[in-house]
Amino acid sequence: MVKKQNQRKVLAVLAGGLVLGVGVAAVLAAWNDSEFATGTFTAGTFNLEGSSTGNAGYSDHNVDDGDTAATLAFTLPTGVVDSMSPGDSVYAGFWVRLAAGTTTGADLVADGTTADAAAGSNSEYLSYSIYQLAPGATCNAASAIGTPIATGATLDAQTGTTTVALLEGADTTTAGAAVQLCFVVTADAALEQGLATTATWKFTATSTN
């Protein structure tokens, strides 16, 4: 009888041990661990600037933001007096580039033009074309050839726009390569004497990235 009672105690202890083991396993299964990741997102910068000389003097000329438009230095061909007559064409270069710190390339388009009211000016008797020139070219009759990037039958109209690619600088302290645009304004036979006419062209650059 003693042996049977001892055997029952041993079995009872083993049974208790089994229950204890299950309890330990349940505690281990409740452990957990987590990982977290964070990211900081900094926007790049984007700025188009222009110059009427191409050598220096690049700055912002965004009339929409309150800046003053760049003044184009139109010149008549050699041998023509310093005033326009019917059939004359005048030429002016304008350089655009992406400012230092700009972090993406851009597509540039001529984005409209405004001119003095026709009632008191020659805006309806002056047409224009704008060409993209090769690096180092001079804006004149010899270089203003090919397909223009924009045209207007009058100074307050625009047709035929073509995109101009602009590249960002090699690093954040370097401006992108400048592109020269050549403006050609031509007077038609109805040009009225003595009138001064002012036109303003708008260009818009849109980031490509």
C-alpha atoms as a PDB file:
ATOM      1  CA  MET A   1       0.000   0.000   0.000  1.00  0.00           C
ATOM      2  CA  VAL A   2       2.886   2.395   0.793  1.00  0.00           C
ATOM      3  CA  LYS A   3       4.345   1.975  -2.637  1.00  0.00           C
ATOM      4  CA  LYS A   4       1.033   2.831  -4.290  1.00  0.00           C
ATOM      5  CA  GLN A   5       0.615   5.973  -2.179  1.00  0.00           C
ATOM      6  CA  ASN A   6       4.166   7.126  -3.000  1.00  0.00           C
ATOM      7  CA  GLN A   7       3.522   6.424  -6.635  1.00  0.00           C
ATOM      8  CA  ARG A   8       0.400   8.562  -6.531  1.00  0.00           C
ATOM      9  CA  LYS A   9       2.376  11.416  -4.928  1.00  0.00           C
ATOM     10  CA  VAL A  10       5.005  11.181  -7.647  1.00  0.00           C
ATOM     11  CA  LEU A  11       2.328  11.253 -10.327  1.00  0.00           C
ATOM     12  CA  ALA A  12       0.687  14.183  -8.613  1.00  0.00           C
ATOM     13  CA  VAL A  13       4.004  16.087  -8.554  1.00  0.00           C
ATOM     14  CA  LEU A  14       4.619  15.289 -12.224  1.00  0.00           C
ATOM     15  CA  ALA A  15       1.142  16.460 -13.080  1.00  0.00           C
ATOM     16  CA  GLY A  16       1.806  19.656 -11.174  1.00  0.00           C
ATOM     17  CA  GLY A  17       5.071  20.074 -13.042  1.00  0.00           C
ATOM     18  CA  LEU A  18       3.291  19.745 -16.330  1.00  0.00           C
ATOM     19  CA  VAL A  19       0.817  22.430 -15.351  1.00  0.00           C
ATOM     20  CA  LEU A  20       3.686  24.664 -14.224  1.00  0.00           C
ATOM     21  CA  GLY A  21       5.422  24.150 -17.565  1.00  0.00           C
ATOM     22  CA  VAL A  22       2.355  25.260 -19.472  1.00  0.00           C
ATOM     23  CA  GLY A  23       2.159  28.341 -17.303  1.00  0.00           C
ATOM     24  CA  VAL A  24       5.774  29.321 -18.143  1.00  0.00           C
ATOM     25  CA  ALA A  25       5.112  28.885 -21.866  1.00  0.00           C
ATOM     26  CA  ALA A  26       2.103  31.230 -21.642  1.00  0.00           C
ATOM     27  CA  VAL A  27       4.241  33.992 -20.072  1.00  0.00           C
ATOM     28  CA  LEU A  28       6.883  33.725 -22.784  1.00  0.00           C
ATOM     29  CA  ALA A  29       4.275  34.004 -25.559  1.00  0.00           C
ATOM     30  CA  ALA A  30       3.091  37.348 -24.120  1.00  0.00           C
ATOM     31  CA  TRP A  31       6.451  39.050 -24.675  1.00  0.00           C
ATOM     32  CA  ASN A  32       6.576  41.570 -27.523  1.00  0.00           C
ATOM     33  CA  ASP A  33       9.034  43.919 -29.197  1.00  0.00           C
ATOM     34  CA  SER A  34       8.622  46.841 -31.623  1.00  0.00           C
ATOM     35  CA  GLU A  35      10.677  48.709 -34.229  1.00  0.00           C
ATOM     36  CA  PHE A  36      10.023  52.288 -35.427  1.00  0.00           C
ATOM     37  CA  ALA A  37      11.288  54.197 -38.460  1.00  0.00           C
ATOM     38  CA  THR A  38      11.145  57.937 -39.151  1.00  0.00           C
ATOM     39  CA  GLY A  39      11.900  60.037 -42.233  1.00  0.00           C
ATOM     40  CA  THR A  40      12.465  63.758 -42.806  1.00  0.00           C
ATOM     41  CA  PHE A  41      11.365  65.194 -46.148  1.00  0.00           C
ATOM     42  CA  THR A  42      12.958  68.445 -47.252  1.00  0.00           C
ATOM     43  CA  ALA A  43      11.651  70.160 -50.387  1.00  0.00           C
ATOM     44  CA  GLY A  44      14.123  71.274 -53.033  1.00  0.00           C
ATOM     45  CA  THR A  45      14.334  74.853 -54.291  1.00  0.00           C
ATOM     46  CA  PHE A  46      13.374  76.277 -57.665  1.00  0.00           C
ATOM     47  CA  ASN A  47      14.100  79.709 -59.122  1.00  0.00           C
ATOM     48  CA  LEU A  48      14.245  81.109 -62.662  1.00  0.00           C
ATOM     49  CA  GLU A  49      16.260  84.268 -63.237  1.00  0.00           C
ATOM     50  CA  GLY A  50      17.068  86.408 -66.254  1.00  0.00           C
ATOM     51  CA  SER A  51      19.517  88.961 -67.633  1.00  0.00           C
ATOM     52  CA  SER A  52      19.359  91.376 -70.562  1.00  0.00           C
ATOM     53  CA  THR A  53      23.149  91.235 -71.011  1.00  0.00           C
ATOM     54  CA  GLY A  54      24.012  87.586 -70.359  1.00  0.00           C
ATOM     55  CA  ASN A  55      27.314  88.420 -68.711  1.00  0.00           C
ATOM     56  CA  ALA A  56      26.094  89.475 -65.291  1.00  0.00           C
ATOM     57  CA  GLY A  57      23.142  91.064 -63.609  1.00  0.00           C
ATOM     58  CA  TYR A  58      21.017  87.931 -63.309  1.00  0.00           C
ATOM     59  CA  SER A  59      18.072  88.526 -61.006  1.00  0.00           C
ATOM     60  CA  ASP A  60      14.350  87.891 -60.613  1.00  0.00           C
ATOM     61  CA  HIS A  61      11.982  89.802 -62.905  1.00  0.00           C
ATOM     62  CA  ASN A  62       8.660  88.256 -61.901  1.00  0.00           C
ATOM     63  CA  VAL A  63       6.071  90.974 -62.446  1.00  0.00           C
ATOM     64  CA  ASP A  64       3.396  88.739 -60.890  1.00  0.00           C
ATOM     65  CA  ASP A  65       5.344  88.929 -57.605  1.00  0.00           C
ATOM     66  CA  GLY A  66       5.886  92.683 -57.793  1.00  0.00           C
ATOM     67  CA  ASP A  67       9.276  92.701 -59.537  1.00  0.00           C
ATOM     68  CA  THR A  68      10.086  94.960 -62.493  1.00  0.00           C
ATOM     69  CA  ALA A  69      10.366  93.364 -65.933  1.00  0.00           C
ATOM     70  CA  ALA A  70      13.853  93.235 -67.440  1.00  0.00           C
ATOM     71  CA  THR A  71      14.422  95.974 -70.001  1.00  0.00           C
ATOM     72  CA  LEU A  72      15.398  94.548 -73.385  1.00  0.00           C
ATOM     73  CA  ALA A  73      18.001  96.511 -75.357  1.00  0.00           C
ATOM     74  CA  PHE A  74      16.622  96.409 -78.904  1.00  0.00           C
ATOM     75  CA  THR A  75      19.005  97.362 -81.672  1.00  0.00           C
ATOM     76  CA  LEU A  76      18.412  98.181 -85.317  1.00  0.00           C
ATOM     77  CA  PRO A  77      20.547  96.595 -88.039  1.00  0.00           C
ATOM     78  CA  THR A  78      23.698  98.464 -89.059  1.00  0.00           C
ATOM     79  CA  GLY A  79      22.958 101.356 -91.384  1.00  0.00           C
ATOM     80  CA  VAL A  80      19.431 101.953 -90.122  1.00  0.00           C
ATOM     81  CA  VAL A  81      18.744 105.163 -88.211  1.00  0.00           C
ATOM     82  CA  ASP A  82      17.743 104.953 -84.549  1.00  0.00           C
ATOM     83  CA  SER A  83      13.978 104.788 -85.101  1.00  0.00           C
ATOM     84  CA  MET A  84      11.725 102.252 -86.700  1.00  0.00           C
ATOM     85  CA  SER A  85      10.122 102.580 -90.106  1.00  0.00           C
ATOM     86  CA  PRO A  86       7.671 100.237 -91.905  1.00  0.00           C
ATOM     87  CA  GLY A  87       9.424  96.949 -92.680  1.00  0.00           C
ATOM     88  CA  ASP A  88      12.233  97.415 -90.131  1.00  0.00           C
ATOM     89  CA  SER A  89      13.136  94.675 -87.627  1.00  0.00           C
ATOM     90  CA  VAL A  90      14.849  95.211 -84.284  1.00  0.00           C
ATOM     91  CA  TYR A  91      16.675  92.579 -82.200  1.00  0.00           C
ATOM     92  CA  ALA A  92      17.296  91.986 -78.489  1.00  0.00           C
ATOM     93  CA  GLY A  93      18.780  89.117 -76.509  1.00  0.00           C
ATOM     94  CA  PHE A  94      17.467  87.870 -73.183  1.00  0.00           C
ATOM     95  CA  TRP A  95      19.208  85.175 -71.128  1.00  0.00           C
ATOM     96  CA  VAL A  96      17.446  82.837 -68.708  1.00  0.00           C
ATOM     97  CA  ARG A  97      18.836  80.235 -66.337  1.00  0.00           C
ATOM     98  CA  LEU A  98      17.988  78.294 -63.195  1.00  0.00           C
ATOM     99  CA  ALA A  99      19.455  80.030 -60.167  1.00  0.00           C
ATOM    100  CA  ALA A 100      22.073  78.475 -57.913  1.00  0.00           C
ATOM    101  CA  GLY A 101      20.405  76.212 -55.377  1.00  0.00           C
ATOM    102  CA  THR A 102      17.749  75.011 -57.816  1.00  0.00           C
ATOM    103  CA  THR A 103      17.553  71.244 -57.402  1.00  0.00           C
ATOM    104  CA  THR A 104      15.727  70.191 -60.584  1.00  0.00           C
ATOM    105  CA  GLY A 105      15.733  70.911 -64.290  1.00  0.00           C
ATOM    106  CA  ALA A 106      12.851  72.747 -65.948  1.00  0.00           C
ATOM    107  CA  ASP A 107      10.841  73.261 -69.105  1.00  0.00           C
ATOM    108  CA  LEU A 108      10.519  76.907 -70.138  1.00  0.00           C
ATOM    109  CA  VAL A 109       7.720  78.285 -72.303  1.00  0.00           C
ATOM    110  CA  ALA A 110       6.719  81.740 -73.471  1.00  0.00           C
ATOM    111  CA  ASP A 111       3.567  82.362 -71.455  1.00  0.00           C
ATOM    112  CA  GLY A 112       1.874  85.336 -73.070  1.00  0.00           C
ATOM    113  CA  THR A 113       2.490  88.994 -73.750  1.00  0.00           C
ATOM    114  CA  THR A 114       0.866  92.315 -72.956  1.00  0.00           C
ATOM    115  CA  ALA A 115       1.249  95.638 -74.780  1.00  0.00           C
ATOM    116  CA  ASP A 116       0.017  99.198 -74.733  1.00  0.00           C
ATOM    117  CA  ALA A 117      -3.540  99.613 -75.937  1.00  0.00           C
ATOM    118  CA  ALA A 118      -3.767  99.814 -79.717  1.00  0.00           C
ATOM    119  CA  ALA A 119      -5.737 103.056 -79.542  1.00  0.00           C
ATOM    120  CA  GLY A 120      -2.629 105.031 -78.568  1.00  0.00           C
ATOM    121  CA  SER A 121       0.240 102.844 -79.755  1.00  0.00           C
ATOM    122  CA  ASN A 122       1.592 100.737 -82.606  1.00  0.00           C
ATOM    123  CA  SER A 123       0.954  97.434 -80.828  1.00  0.00           C
ATOM    124  CA  GLU A 124      -1.275  96.173 -83.648  1.00  0.00           C
ATOM    125  CA  TYR A 125       1.319  97.122 -86.296  1.00  0.00           C
ATOM    126  CA  LEU A 126       4.288  95.340 -84.705  1.00  0.00           C
ATOM    127  CA  SER A 127       4.784  91.564 -84.892  1.00  0.00           C
ATOM    128  CA  TYR A 128       7.392  89.478 -83.105  1.00  0.00           C
ATOM    129  CA  SER A 129       9.235  86.169 -83.067  1.00  0.00           C
ATOM    130  CA  ILE A 130      11.389  84.684 -80.290  1.00  0.00           C
ATOM    131  CA  TYR A 131      14.204  82.253 -81.085  1.00  0.00           C
ATOM    132  CA  GLN A 132      16.455  80.057 -78.958  1.00  0.00           C
ATOM    133  CA  LEU A 133      20.066  80.722 -79.929  1.00  0.00           C
ATOM    134  CA  ALA A 134      23.106  78.501 -79.819  1.00  0.00           C
ATOM    135  CA  PRO A 135      25.579  79.277 -76.993  1.00  0.00           C
ATOM    136  CA  GLY A 136      27.725  82.316 -77.820  1.00  0.00           C
ATOM    137  CA  ALA A 137      25.584  83.495 -80.749  1.00  0.00           C
ATOM    138  CA  THR A 138      24.684  87.164 -81.211  1.00  0.00           C
ATOM    139  CA  CYS A 139      21.030  88.086 -81.567  1.00  0.00           C
ATOM    140  CA  ASN A 140      20.683  89.479 -85.083  1.00  0.00           C
ATOM    141  CA  ALA A 141      19.188  88.681 -88.479  1.00  0.00           C
ATOM    142  CA  ALA A 142      21.817  86.011 -89.138  1.00  0.00           C
ATOM    143  CA  SER A 143      21.141  84.050 -85.926  1.00  0.00           C
ATOM    144  CA  ALA A 144      17.376  84.497 -85.669  1.00  0.00           C
ATOM    145  CA  ILE A 145      16.595  81.619 -87.997  1.00  0.00           C
ATOM    146  CA  GLY A 146      14.815  78.278 -87.798  1.00  0.00           C
ATOM    147  CA  THR A 147      11.634  77.663 -85.851  1.00  0.00           C
ATOM    148  CA  PRO A 148      10.829  80.298 -83.228  1.00  0.00           C
ATOM    149  CA  ILE A 149       9.712  79.247 -79.749  1.00  0.00           C
ATOM    150  CA  ALA A 150       6.872  81.793 -79.895  1.00  0.00           C
ATOM    151  CA  THR A 151       5.396  84.286 -82.358  1.00  0.00           C
ATOM    152  CA  GLY A 152       2.772  86.999 -82.394  1.00  0.00           C
ATOM    153  CA  ALA A 153       1.062  88.722 -85.308  1.00  0.00           C
ATOM    154  CA  THR A 154       0.717  91.707 -82.950  1.00  0.00           C
ATOM    155  CA  LEU A 155       2.492  92.622 -79.725  1.00  0.00           C
ATOM    156  CA  ASP A 156      -0.428  91.468 -77.594  1.00  0.00           C
ATOM    157  CA  ALA A 157      -0.877  88.056 -79.228  1.00  0.00           C
ATOM    158  CA  GLN A 158       1.022  84.773 -79.008  1.00  0.00           C
ATOM    159  CA  THR A 159       1.050  81.569 -81.045  1.00  0.00           C
ATOM    160  CA  GLY A 160       3.316  78.614 -81.779  1.00  0.00           C
ATOM    161  CA  THR A 161       4.944  78.070 -78.387  1.00  0.00           C
ATOM    162  CA  THR A 162       7.788  75.541 -78.104  1.00  0.00           C
ATOM    163  CA  THR A 163       9.388  74.251 -74.893  1.00  0.00           C
ATOM    164  CA  VAL A 164      12.976  75.149 -74.001  1.00  0.00           C
ATOM    165  CA  ALA A 165      14.884  72.772 -71.695  1.00  0.00           C
ATOM    166  CA  LEU A 166      16.794  74.290 -68.766  1.00  0.00           C
ATOM    167  CA  LEU A 167      19.338  72.356 -66.684  1.00  0.00           C
ATOM    168  CA  GLU A 168      20.057  72.803 -62.994  1.00  0.00           C
ATOM    169  CA  GLY A 169      23.595  73.554 -61.807  1.00  0.00           C
ATOM    170  CA  ALA A 170      26.138  70.857 -61.029  1.00  0.00           C
ATOM    171  CA  ASP A 171      25.795  71.618 -57.296  1.00  0.00           C
ATOM    172  CA  THR A 172      23.777  73.892 -55.026  1.00  0.00           C
ATOM    173  CA  THR A 173      26.246  76.790 -55.364  1.00  0.00           C
ATOM    174  CA  THR A 174      26.284  76.787 -59.173  1.00  0.00           C
ATOM    175  CA  ALA A 175      23.633  78.252 -61.471  1.00  0.00           C
ATOM    176  CA  GLY A 176      22.384  76.247 -64.426  1.00  0.00           C
ATOM    177  CA  ALA A 177      23.632  76.878 -67.957  1.00  0.00           C
ATOM    178  CA  ALA A 178      22.138  80.046 -69.438  1.00  0.00           C
ATOM    179  CA  VAL A 179      19.982  79.937 -72.569  1.00  0.00           C
ATOM    180  CA  GLN A 180      19.789  82.992 -74.809  1.00  0.00           C
ATOM    181  CA  LEU A 181      16.486  83.977 -76.350  1.00  0.00           C
ATOM    182  CA  CYS A 182      16.467  86.341 -79.327  1.00  0.00           C
ATOM    183  CA  PHE A 183      13.511  88.718 -79.757  1.00  0.00           C
ATOM    184  CA  VAL A 184      12.764  90.048 -83.225  1.00  0.00           C
ATOM    185  CA  VAL A 185      10.129  92.765 -83.582  1.00  0.00           C
ATOM    186  CA  THR A 186       9.063  93.834 -87.076  1.00  0.00           C
ATOM    187  CA  ALA A 187       7.022  96.868 -88.136  1.00  0.00           C
ATOM    188  CA  ASP A 188       4.399  96.483 -90.834  1.00  0.00           C
ATOM    189  CA  ALA A 189       3.373  98.956 -93.498  1.00  0.00           C
ATOM    190  CA  ALA A 190       0.709 100.584 -91.315  1.00  0.00           C
ATOM    191  CA  LEU A 191       3.186 101.710 -88.608  1.00  0.00           C
ATOM    192  CA  GLU A 192       2.139 105.148 -87.371  1.00  0.00           C
ATOM    193  CA  GLN A 193       4.727 107.882 -86.916  1.00  0.00           C
ATOM    194  CA  GLY A 194       5.896 109.136 -83.542  1.00  0.00           C
ATOM    195  CA  LEU A 195       4.193 106.551 -81.319  1.00  0.00           C
ATOM    196  CA  ALA A 196       6.109 104.708 -78.577  1.00  0.00           C
ATOM    197  CA  THR A 197       4.895 101.203 -77.762  1.00  0.00           C
ATOM    198  CA  THR A 198       5.839  99.033 -74.773  1.00  0.00           C
ATOM    199  CA  ALA A 199       5.347  95.281 -74.648  1.00  0.00           C
ATOM    200  CA  THR A 200       6.061  92.803 -71.846  1.00  0.00           C
ATOM    201  CA  TRP A 201       6.628  89.077 -72.401  1.00  0.00           C
ATOM    202  CA  LYS A 202       6.096  86.447 -69.729  1.00  0.00           C
ATOM    203  CA  PHE A 203       8.067  83.187 -69.454  1.00  0.00           C
ATOM    204  CA  THR A 204       7.203  80.299 -67.158  1.00  0.00           C
ATOM    205  CA  ALA A 205       9.561  77.522 -66.077  1.00  0.00           C
ATOM    206  CA  THR A 206       8.096  74.282 -64.747  1.00  0.00           C
ATOM    207  CA  SER A 207      10.237  71.778 -62.856  1.00  0.00           C
ATOM    208  CA  THR A 208      10.798  68.425 -64.568  1.00  0.00           C
ATOM    209  CA  ASN A 209      11.257  66.361 -61.377  1.00  0.00           C
END
